[in-house]
Structures are given as C-alpha cells and as structure tokens.
Amino acid sequence: MCREMQSVIHEQEQPEFKREYLLNLPHPVTAKIYVIDDGDHCTMLLAEEY
C-alpha cells in the first residue's frame, strides 16, 4: 500500500490561530473545508459550497 503525506492546516480568525498537521495516509485529499461554529451548531462545507 502506497502512502503519501497529507497536510491539514487549521486556521482561524478569532482568536488568531494557525497550525499544520502532517499525516501519513493512503489517499490524501486536496480540498478546502470551511467549518462554521456559531456556538449552537457546527457546519462543514467544501469551499465550492461556501
């Protein structure tokens, strides 16, 4: 099984924060996902759905 490095970048505006995680996965994904947390609900959207 061929494995490749997957980069996951967690970045937010308030409070300002940025961290990158590297994972060794068999099928890396190349997509941007937005996560919106309003305190009551958490919504995940692909960038093209935002």
Protein backbone atom coordinates (compact mmCIF):
# COMPACT_ATOMS: atom_id res chain seq x y z
CA MET A 1 0.00 0.00 0.00
CA CYS A 2 1.47 3.34 -1.11
CA ARG A 3 1.13 6.10 1.48
CA GLU A 4 1.59 9.82 1.00
CA MET A 5 1.80 12.80 3.32
CA GLN A 6 -1.45 14.68 3.93
CA SER A 7 -1.20 18.27 5.13
CA VAL A 8 -4.07 19.53 7.29
CA ILE A 9 -3.98 23.24 8.11
CA HIS A 10 -6.19 24.53 10.92
CA GLU A 11 -6.52 28.29 10.58
CA GLN A 12 -8.99 30.67 12.21
CA GLU A 13 -9.51 34.41 12.55
CA GLN A 14 -10.82 34.81 16.12
CA PRO A 15 -8.81 34.16 18.14
CA GLU A 16 -6.00 34.20 15.60
CA PHE A 17 -4.57 30.69 15.28
CA LYS A 18 -2.75 28.58 12.70
CA ARG A 19 -1.30 25.07 12.96
CA GLU A 20 -0.31 22.48 10.35
CA TYR A 21 -0.54 18.73 10.87
CA LEU A 22 1.19 16.17 8.64
CA LEU A 23 -0.38 12.72 8.38
CA ASN A 24 0.80 9.64 6.53
CA LEU A 25 -2.32 8.45 4.66
CA PRO A 26 -3.01 6.05 1.78
CA HIS A 27 -5.29 8.52 -0.11
CA PRO A 28 -4.58 12.22 0.59
CA VAL A 29 -7.35 14.71 -0.16
CA THR A 30 -6.89 18.04 -1.94
CA ALA A 31 -9.91 20.04 -0.80
CA LYS A 32 -10.53 23.09 1.33
CA ILE A 33 -13.20 22.71 4.00
CA TYR A 34 -14.77 25.58 5.92
CA VAL A 35 -16.07 24.88 9.42
CA ILE A 36 -18.50 27.41 10.90
CA ASP A 37 -19.27 27.15 14.62
CA ASP A 38 -21.95 29.56 15.89
CA GLY A 39 -22.00 28.14 19.41
CA ASP A 40 -25.16 26.06 18.86
CA HIS A 41 -24.30 24.33 15.59
CA CYS A 42 -21.17 23.38 13.68
CA THR A 43 -21.36 23.29 9.87
CA MET A 44 -18.73 21.89 7.49
CA LEU A 45 -18.73 22.97 3.82
CA LEU A 46 -16.47 22.28 0.89
CA ALA A 47 -15.01 25.52 -0.46
CA GLU A 48 -17.15 25.32 -3.62
CA GLU A 49 -20.30 25.14 -1.42
CA TYR A 50 -19.41 28.23 0.63
